């Protein structure tokens, strides 16, 4: 079959109709089935993005407690005020080194509920082993 202007025009009109009918069909589906409205609404919600700045100074984290909700996208900016440090959360498999006087960032999705320890995993000074804080992930 050869593509003529007429067939191409009809294909474009059909594609446009599908694009316009998609959201209307989703609304009709939501009203037709109980609980379907929640499914459609849940698909449209984007996860919360939570941003924190943690300062490492004198072998301590400040703040030393971070609270988020499950499925939040978490961004932690770590600033070193004096020495080199790191921030590690084993359960989320994230670890970043912070140079002396520098800044670094780590991002992850908080997909597990619970209380998790974050710490400095450097071994250059015994005081690193005493550095810790808590990441608390609450249920939605």
N, C-alpha and C. Protein backbone atom coordinates (compact mmCIF):
# COMPACT_ATOMS: atom_id res chain seq x y z
N UNK A 1 0.85 -1.17 0.00
CA UNK A 1 0.00 0.00 0.00
C UNK A 1 0.89 1.23 0.00
N UNK A 2 0.59 2.12 -0.90
CA UNK A 2 1.37 3.35 -0.97
C UNK A 2 0.75 4.40 -0.07
N UNK A 3 1.59 5.17 0.54
CA UNK A 3 1.12 6.22 1.45
C UNK A 3 0.77 7.45 0.63
N UNK A 4 -0.47 7.79 0.67
CA UNK A 4 -0.91 9.00 -0.01
C UNK A 4 -1.15 10.09 1.03
N UNK A 5 -1.37 11.28 0.57
CA UNK A 5 -1.66 12.37 1.51
C UNK A 5 -2.89 12.05 2.35
N UNK A 6 -3.86 11.45 1.70
CA UNK A 6 -5.10 11.13 2.43
C UNK A 6 -4.85 10.11 3.54
N UNK A 7 -4.12 9.02 3.24
CA UNK A 7 -3.87 8.01 4.28
C UNK A 7 -2.99 8.55 5.38
N UNK A 8 -2.01 9.37 5.03
CA UNK A 8 -1.17 9.97 6.06
C UNK A 8 -1.98 10.91 6.94
N UNK A 9 -2.86 11.67 6.33
CA UNK A 9 -3.72 12.57 7.10
C UNK A 9 -4.63 11.82 8.05
N UNK A 10 -5.22 10.71 7.57
CA UNK A 10 -6.09 9.90 8.42
C UNK A 10 -5.30 9.27 9.57
N UNK A 11 -4.07 8.86 9.32
CA UNK A 11 -3.24 8.29 10.39
C UNK A 11 -2.92 9.34 11.44
N UNK A 12 -2.62 10.55 11.03
CA UNK A 12 -2.35 11.63 11.98
C UNK A 12 -3.59 11.97 12.80
N UNK A 13 -4.74 12.02 12.17
CA UNK A 13 -5.98 12.29 12.89
C UNK A 13 -6.25 11.18 13.90
N UNK A 14 -6.04 9.94 13.52
CA UNK A 14 -6.25 8.81 14.43
C UNK A 14 -5.29 8.86 15.62
N UNK A 15 -4.03 9.19 15.37
CA UNK A 15 -3.05 9.28 16.46
C UNK A 15 -3.42 10.41 17.41
N UNK A 16 -3.85 11.53 16.86
CA UNK A 16 -4.27 12.65 17.71
C UNK A 16 -5.47 12.30 18.55
N UNK A 17 -6.41 11.56 17.99
CA UNK A 17 -7.60 11.14 18.74
C UNK A 17 -7.20 10.23 19.89
N UNK A 18 -6.25 9.35 19.67
CA UNK A 18 -5.78 8.46 20.74
C UNK A 18 -5.14 9.26 21.86
N UNK A 19 -4.34 10.25 21.52
CA UNK A 19 -3.70 11.08 22.54
C UNK A 19 -4.73 11.86 23.36
N UNK A 20 -5.75 12.35 22.69
CA UNK A 20 -6.78 13.11 23.40
C UNK A 20 -7.68 12.21 24.22
N UNK A 21 -7.94 11.01 23.76
CA UNK A 21 -8.85 10.11 24.45
C UNK A 21 -8.20 9.41 25.63
N UNK A 22 -6.88 9.34 25.69
CA UNK A 22 -6.19 8.63 26.77
C UNK A 22 -6.57 9.11 28.16
N UNK A 23 -6.42 10.41 28.48
CA UNK A 23 -6.79 10.89 29.82
C UNK A 23 -8.27 10.73 30.12
N UNK A 24 -9.13 10.91 29.12
CA UNK A 24 -10.57 10.74 29.34
C UNK A 24 -10.88 9.29 29.66
N UNK A 25 -10.23 8.36 28.99
CA UNK A 25 -10.45 6.94 29.26
C UNK A 25 -9.99 6.58 30.67
N UNK A 26 -8.90 7.17 31.13
CA UNK A 26 -8.42 6.90 32.49
C UNK A 26 -9.43 7.41 33.52
N UNK A 27 -10.03 8.57 33.26
CA UNK A 27 -11.05 9.09 34.19
C UNK A 27 -12.28 8.20 34.20
N UNK A 28 -12.70 7.72 33.02
CA UNK A 28 -13.84 6.82 32.95
C UNK A 28 -13.55 5.52 33.68
N UNK A 29 -12.35 5.01 33.52
CA UNK A 29 -11.95 3.78 34.20
C UNK A 29 -11.97 3.98 35.71
N UNK A 30 -11.52 5.13 36.17
CA UNK A 30 -11.47 5.41 37.60
C UNK A 30 -12.88 5.43 38.20
N UNK A 31 -13.86 5.91 37.45
CA UNK A 31 -15.23 5.97 37.96
C UNK A 31 -15.95 4.64 37.81
N UNK A 32 -15.49 3.82 36.89
CA UNK A 32 -16.17 2.56 36.62
C UNK A 32 -15.83 1.48 37.64
N UNK A 33 -14.60 1.48 38.15
CA UNK A 33 -14.17 0.43 39.09
C UNK A 33 -13.89 1.04 40.44
N UNK A 34 -14.43 0.47 41.52
CA UNK A 34 -14.10 0.97 42.86
C UNK A 34 -12.61 0.76 43.13
N UNK A 35 -11.98 1.76 43.69
CA UNK A 35 -10.56 1.68 44.00
C UNK A 35 -9.65 2.07 42.86
N UNK A 36 -10.19 2.17 41.66
CA UNK A 36 -9.37 2.52 40.50
C UNK A 36 -8.92 3.96 40.56
N UNK A 37 -9.72 4.84 41.16
CA UNK A 37 -9.34 6.25 41.27
C UNK A 37 -8.06 6.39 42.09
N UNK A 38 -7.92 5.57 43.13
CA UNK A 38 -6.71 5.63 43.95
C UNK A 38 -5.50 5.15 43.15
N UNK A 39 -5.73 4.13 42.29
CA UNK A 39 -4.62 3.64 41.47
C UNK A 39 -4.16 4.72 40.50
N UNK A 40 -5.09 5.39 39.85
CA UNK A 40 -4.73 6.44 38.90
C UNK A 40 -4.06 7.58 39.63
N UNK A 41 -4.62 8.00 40.78
CA UNK A 41 -4.03 9.10 41.54
C UNK A 41 -2.65 8.72 42.06
N UNK A 42 -2.46 7.46 42.48
CA UNK A 42 -1.17 7.02 43.00
C UNK A 42 -0.10 7.02 41.93
N UNK A 43 -0.50 6.75 40.70
CA UNK A 43 0.48 6.74 39.61
C UNK A 43 0.92 8.15 39.27
N UNK A 44 0.10 9.15 39.53
CA UNK A 44 0.42 10.52 39.16
C UNK A 44 1.28 11.21 40.21
N UNK A 45 1.35 10.66 41.43
CA UNK A 45 2.12 11.31 42.48
C UNK A 45 3.60 11.03 42.33
N UNK A 46 4.37 12.09 42.38
CA UNK A 46 5.83 11.95 42.34
C UNK A 46 6.33 11.79 43.78
N UNK A 47 7.43 11.07 43.98
CA UNK A 47 7.96 10.93 45.33
C UNK A 47 8.47 12.27 45.85
N UNK A 48 8.42 12.42 47.17
CA UNK A 48 8.95 13.64 47.80
C UNK A 48 10.45 13.65 47.68
N UNK A 49 10.99 14.81 47.50
CA UNK A 49 12.44 14.99 47.46
C UNK A 49 12.83 15.73 48.73
N UNK A 50 13.67 15.11 49.54
CA UNK A 50 14.10 15.70 50.80
C UNK A 50 15.59 16.00 50.72
N UNK A 51 15.97 17.22 51.06
CA UNK A 51 17.38 17.62 50.99
C UNK A 51 17.87 18.02 52.38
N UNK A 52 19.07 17.57 52.71
CA UNK A 52 19.68 17.85 54.01
C UNK A 52 21.13 18.26 53.80
N UNK A 53 21.62 19.09 54.70
CA UNK A 53 23.03 19.43 54.75
C UNK A 53 23.56 18.97 56.09
N UNK A 54 24.59 18.13 56.05
CA UNK A 54 25.22 17.61 57.26
C UNK A 54 26.63 18.16 57.31
N UNK A 55 26.99 18.75 58.45
CA UNK A 55 28.33 19.28 58.63
C UNK A 55 29.14 18.33 59.50
N UNK A 56 30.33 17.99 59.05
CA UNK A 56 31.25 17.16 59.82
C UNK A 56 32.33 18.08 60.39
N UNK A 57 32.42 18.12 61.72
CA UNK A 57 33.37 18.99 62.39
C UNK A 57 33.76 18.36 63.72
N UNK A 58 35.03 18.42 64.04
CA UNK A 58 35.54 17.88 65.31
C UNK A 58 35.08 16.44 65.53
N UNK A 59 35.07 15.65 64.45
CA UNK A 59 34.71 14.24 64.49
C UNK A 59 33.28 14.02 65.00
N UNK A 60 32.37 14.89 64.55
CA UNK A 60 30.94 14.76 64.85
C UNK A 60 30.14 15.19 63.62
N UNK A 61 28.95 14.60 63.46
CA UNK A 61 28.02 15.02 62.42
C UNK A 61 26.98 15.94 63.04
N UNK A 62 26.61 16.98 62.30
CA UNK A 62 25.56 17.87 62.76
C UNK A 62 24.68 18.23 61.56
N UNK A 63 23.41 17.90 61.58
CA UNK A 63 22.68 17.16 62.61
C UNK A 63 23.07 15.68 62.57
N UNK A 64 22.85 15.02 63.69
CA UNK A 64 23.19 13.60 63.75
C UNK A 64 21.96 12.71 63.65
N UNK A 65 20.82 13.32 63.29
CA UNK A 65 19.58 12.55 63.08
C UNK A 65 18.82 13.16 61.90
N UNK A 66 18.46 12.30 60.95
CA UNK A 66 17.72 12.71 59.76
C UNK A 66 16.46 11.84 59.69
N UNK A 67 15.30 12.47 59.50
CA UNK A 67 14.05 11.73 59.40
C UNK A 67 13.40 11.97 58.04
N UNK A 68 12.99 10.88 57.40
CA UNK A 68 12.33 10.94 56.10
C UNK A 68 11.18 9.94 56.10
N UNK A 69 10.37 9.99 55.05
CA UNK A 69 9.29 9.04 54.86
C UNK A 69 9.73 7.99 53.83
N UNK A 70 9.15 6.81 53.93
CA UNK A 70 9.48 5.75 52.99
C UNK A 70 9.20 6.20 51.56
N UNK A 71 10.08 5.86 50.67
CA UNK A 71 10.05 6.18 49.24
C UNK A 71 10.43 7.62 48.92
N UNK A 72 10.83 8.42 49.91
CA UNK A 72 11.35 9.76 49.62
C UNK A 72 12.66 9.64 48.86
N UNK A 73 12.91 10.60 47.98
CA UNK A 73 14.22 10.72 47.36
C UNK A 73 15.05 11.59 48.29
N UNK A 74 16.15 11.08 48.77
CA UNK A 74 16.95 11.77 49.78
C UNK A 74 18.25 12.25 49.16
N UNK A 75 18.55 13.53 49.38
CA UNK A 75 19.81 14.11 48.93
C UNK A 75 20.49 14.68 50.17
N UNK A 76 21.68 14.18 50.45
CA UNK A 76 22.45 14.66 51.61
C UNK A 76 23.73 15.30 51.09
N UNK A 77 23.91 16.57 51.44
CA UNK A 77 25.14 17.29 51.12
C UNK A 77 25.98 17.28 52.39
N UNK A 78 27.18 16.75 52.30
CA UNK A 78 28.06 16.65 53.46
C UNK A 78 29.19 17.66 53.30
N UNK A 79 29.35 18.51 54.32
CA UNK A 79 30.40 19.53 54.31
C UNK A 79 31.40 19.23 55.42
N UNK A 80 32.66 19.30 55.09
CA UNK A 80 33.72 19.13 56.09
C UNK A 80 34.20 20.51 56.51
N UNK A 81 34.21 20.75 57.82
CA UNK A 81 34.67 22.03 58.32
C UNK A 81 36.16 22.02 58.67
N UNK A 82 36.77 20.82 58.76
CA UNK A 82 38.18 20.78 59.15
C UNK A 82 38.96 19.64 58.50
N UNK A 83 38.66 18.39 58.81
CA UNK A 83 39.42 17.24 58.32
C UNK A 83 38.66 16.50 57.21
N UNK A 84 39.30 15.50 56.63
CA UNK A 84 38.62 14.62 55.68
C UNK A 84 37.73 13.67 56.46
N UNK A 85 36.53 13.41 55.94
CA UNK A 85 35.58 12.51 56.58
C UNK A 85 34.94 11.66 55.49
N UNK A 86 34.00 10.84 55.89
CA UNK A 86 33.14 10.15 54.93
C UNK A 86 31.77 10.01 55.58
N UNK A 87 30.78 9.73 54.76
CA UNK A 87 29.46 9.41 55.29
C UNK A 87 29.01 8.13 54.59
N UNK A 88 28.72 7.11 55.40
CA UNK A 88 28.38 5.78 54.90
C UNK A 88 27.08 5.32 55.54
N UNK A 89 26.18 4.77 54.70
CA UNK A 89 24.97 4.11 55.19
C UNK A 89 24.96 2.72 54.55
N UNK A 90 25.31 1.72 55.34
CA UNK A 90 25.48 0.36 54.80
C UNK A 90 24.21 -0.18 54.15
N UNK A 91 23.05 -0.01 54.80
CA UNK A 91 21.81 -0.60 54.30
C UNK A 91 21.39 -0.05 52.94
N UNK A 92 21.82 1.15 52.61
CA UNK A 92 21.51 1.73 51.31
C UNK A 92 22.70 1.69 50.36
N UNK A 93 23.77 1.09 50.80
CA UNK A 93 24.98 0.91 50.00
C UNK A 93 25.47 2.23 49.41
N UNK A 94 25.50 3.26 50.26
CA UNK A 94 26.03 4.55 49.84
C UNK A 94 27.18 4.93 50.76
N UNK A 95 28.22 5.49 50.17
CA UNK A 95 29.38 5.93 50.92
C UNK A 95 30.10 6.98 50.08
N UNK A 96 30.38 8.12 50.70
CA UNK A 96 31.10 9.19 50.00
C UNK A 96 32.17 9.75 50.92
N UNK A 97 33.33 10.01 50.34
CA UNK A 97 34.42 10.65 51.07
C UNK A 97 34.31 12.15 50.88
N UNK A 98 34.57 12.88 51.96
CA UNK A 98 34.53 14.35 51.93
C UNK A 98 35.94 14.85 52.18
N UNK A 99 36.54 15.58 51.25
CA UNK A 99 37.89 16.09 51.48
C UNK A 99 37.89 17.16 52.58
N UNK A 100 39.04 17.37 53.17
CA UNK A 100 39.17 18.39 54.22
C UNK A 100 38.73 19.74 53.66
N UNK A 101 37.76 20.36 54.33
CA UNK A 101 37.25 21.65 53.89
C UNK A 101 36.36 21.60 52.66
N UNK A 102 36.02 20.40 52.21
CA UNK A 102 35.25 20.25 50.98
C UNK A 102 33.81 19.82 51.21
N UNK A 103 33.14 19.56 50.11
CA UNK A 103 31.73 19.18 50.12
C UNK A 103 31.52 18.03 49.15
N UNK A 104 30.61 17.13 49.50
CA UNK A 104 30.20 16.07 48.59
C UNK A 104 28.71 15.81 48.78
N UNK A 105 28.13 15.06 47.85
CA UNK A 105 26.70 14.83 47.89
C UNK A 105 26.41 13.36 47.63
N UNK A 106 25.38 12.84 48.29
CA UNK A 106 24.91 11.49 47.99
C UNK A 106 23.40 11.50 47.90
N UNK A 107 22.88 10.65 47.01
CA UNK A 107 21.44 10.58 46.77
C UNK A 107 21.00 9.12 46.75
N UNK A 108 19.80 8.87 47.27
CA UNK A 108 19.23 7.52 47.24
C UNK A 108 17.74 7.63 47.53
N UNK A 109 17.03 6.54 47.24
CA UNK A 109 15.60 6.45 47.56
C UNK A 109 15.48 5.69 48.87
N UNK A 110 14.79 6.25 49.83
CA UNK A 110 14.60 5.62 51.15
C UNK A 110 13.48 4.59 51.03
N UNK A 111 13.79 3.42 50.49
CA UNK A 111 12.75 2.44 50.20
C UNK A 111 12.55 1.42 51.32
N UNK A 112 13.31 1.52 52.41
CA UNK A 112 13.17 0.59 53.54
C UNK A 112 12.84 1.36 54.81
N UNK A 113 11.89 0.86 55.58
CA UNK A 113 11.56 1.49 56.86
C UNK A 113 12.57 1.04 57.91
N UNK A 114 12.78 1.89 58.91
CA UNK A 114 13.64 1.51 60.01
C UNK A 114 14.57 2.64 60.41
N UNK A 115 15.44 2.34 61.35
CA UNK A 115 16.45 3.28 61.81
C UNK A 115 17.81 2.73 61.40
N UNK A 116 18.57 3.53 60.67
CA UNK A 116 19.84 3.09 60.11
C UNK A 116 20.95 4.02 60.58
N UNK A 117 22.09 3.46 60.87
CA UNK A 117 23.23 4.24 61.34
C UNK A 117 24.02 4.76 60.15
N UNK A 118 24.41 6.05 60.21
CA UNK A 118 25.40 6.54 59.25
C UNK A 118 26.65 6.88 60.04
N UNK A 119 27.80 6.74 59.39
CA UNK A 119 29.07 6.88 60.10
C UNK A 119 30.18 7.25 59.13
N UNK A 120 31.33 7.60 59.70
CA UNK A 120 32.53 7.84 58.90
C UNK A 120 33.34 6.55 58.88
N UNK A 121 33.66 6.06 57.69
CA UNK A 121 34.38 4.79 57.60
C UNK A 121 35.88 4.97 57.41
N UNK A 122 36.39 6.18 57.59
CA UNK A 122 37.83 6.39 57.44
C UNK A 122 38.57 5.81 58.64
N UNK A 123 39.82 5.43 58.42
CA UNK A 123 40.62 4.82 59.49
C UNK A 123 41.88 5.62 59.80
N UNK A 124 41.99 6.81 59.25
CA UNK A 124 43.19 7.61 59.45
C UNK A 124 43.33 8.12 60.88
N UNK A 125 42.24 8.15 61.62
CA UNK A 125 42.26 8.60 63.01
C UNK A 125 41.21 7.78 63.76
N UNK A 126 41.53 7.36 64.98
CA UNK A 126 40.60 6.53 65.76
C UNK A 126 39.29 7.26 66.07
N UNK A 127 39.29 8.58 66.02
CA UNK A 127 38.06 9.33 66.32
C UNK A 127 36.99 9.17 65.25
N UNK A 128 37.37 8.74 64.06
CA UNK A 128 36.37 8.47 63.01
C UNK A 128 35.40 7.37 63.46
N UNK A 129 35.91 6.38 64.19
CA UNK A 129 35.08 5.26 64.63
C UNK A 129 33.97 5.70 65.59
N UNK A 130 34.13 6.86 66.21
CA UNK A 130 33.12 7.36 67.16
C UNK A 130 32.06 8.23 66.49
N UNK A 131 32.26 8.55 65.22
CA UNK A 131 31.32 9.40 64.50
C UNK A 131 30.13 8.57 64.02
N UNK A 132 28.94 8.98 64.41
CA UNK A 132 27.75 8.28 63.90
C UNK A 132 26.52 9.17 64.03
N UNK A 133 25.51 8.79 63.30
CA UNK A 133 24.22 9.46 63.35
C UNK A 133 23.15 8.46 62.95
N UNK A 134 21.89 8.92 62.90
CA UNK A 134 20.79 8.04 62.57
C UNK A 134 19.97 8.58 61.41
N UNK A 135 19.62 7.69 60.50
CA UNK A 135 18.66 7.96 59.45
C UNK A 135 17.41 7.19 59.83
N UNK A 136 16.30 7.91 60.06
CA UNK A 136 15.04 7.28 60.44
C UNK A 136 14.10 7.37 59.24
N UNK A 137 13.65 6.21 58.77
CA UNK A 137 12.72 6.14 57.65
C UNK A 137 11.38 5.64 58.19
N UNK A 138 10.38 6.51 58.15
CA UNK A 138 9.05 6.21 58.67
C UNK A 138 8.14 5.69 57.55
N UNK A 139 7.14 4.90 57.92
CA UNK A 139 6.17 4.38 56.95
C UNK A 139 5.32 5.52 56.41
N UNK A 140 4.87 5.37 55.19
CA UNK A 140 3.99 6.38 54.58
C UNK A 140 2.72 6.54 55.37
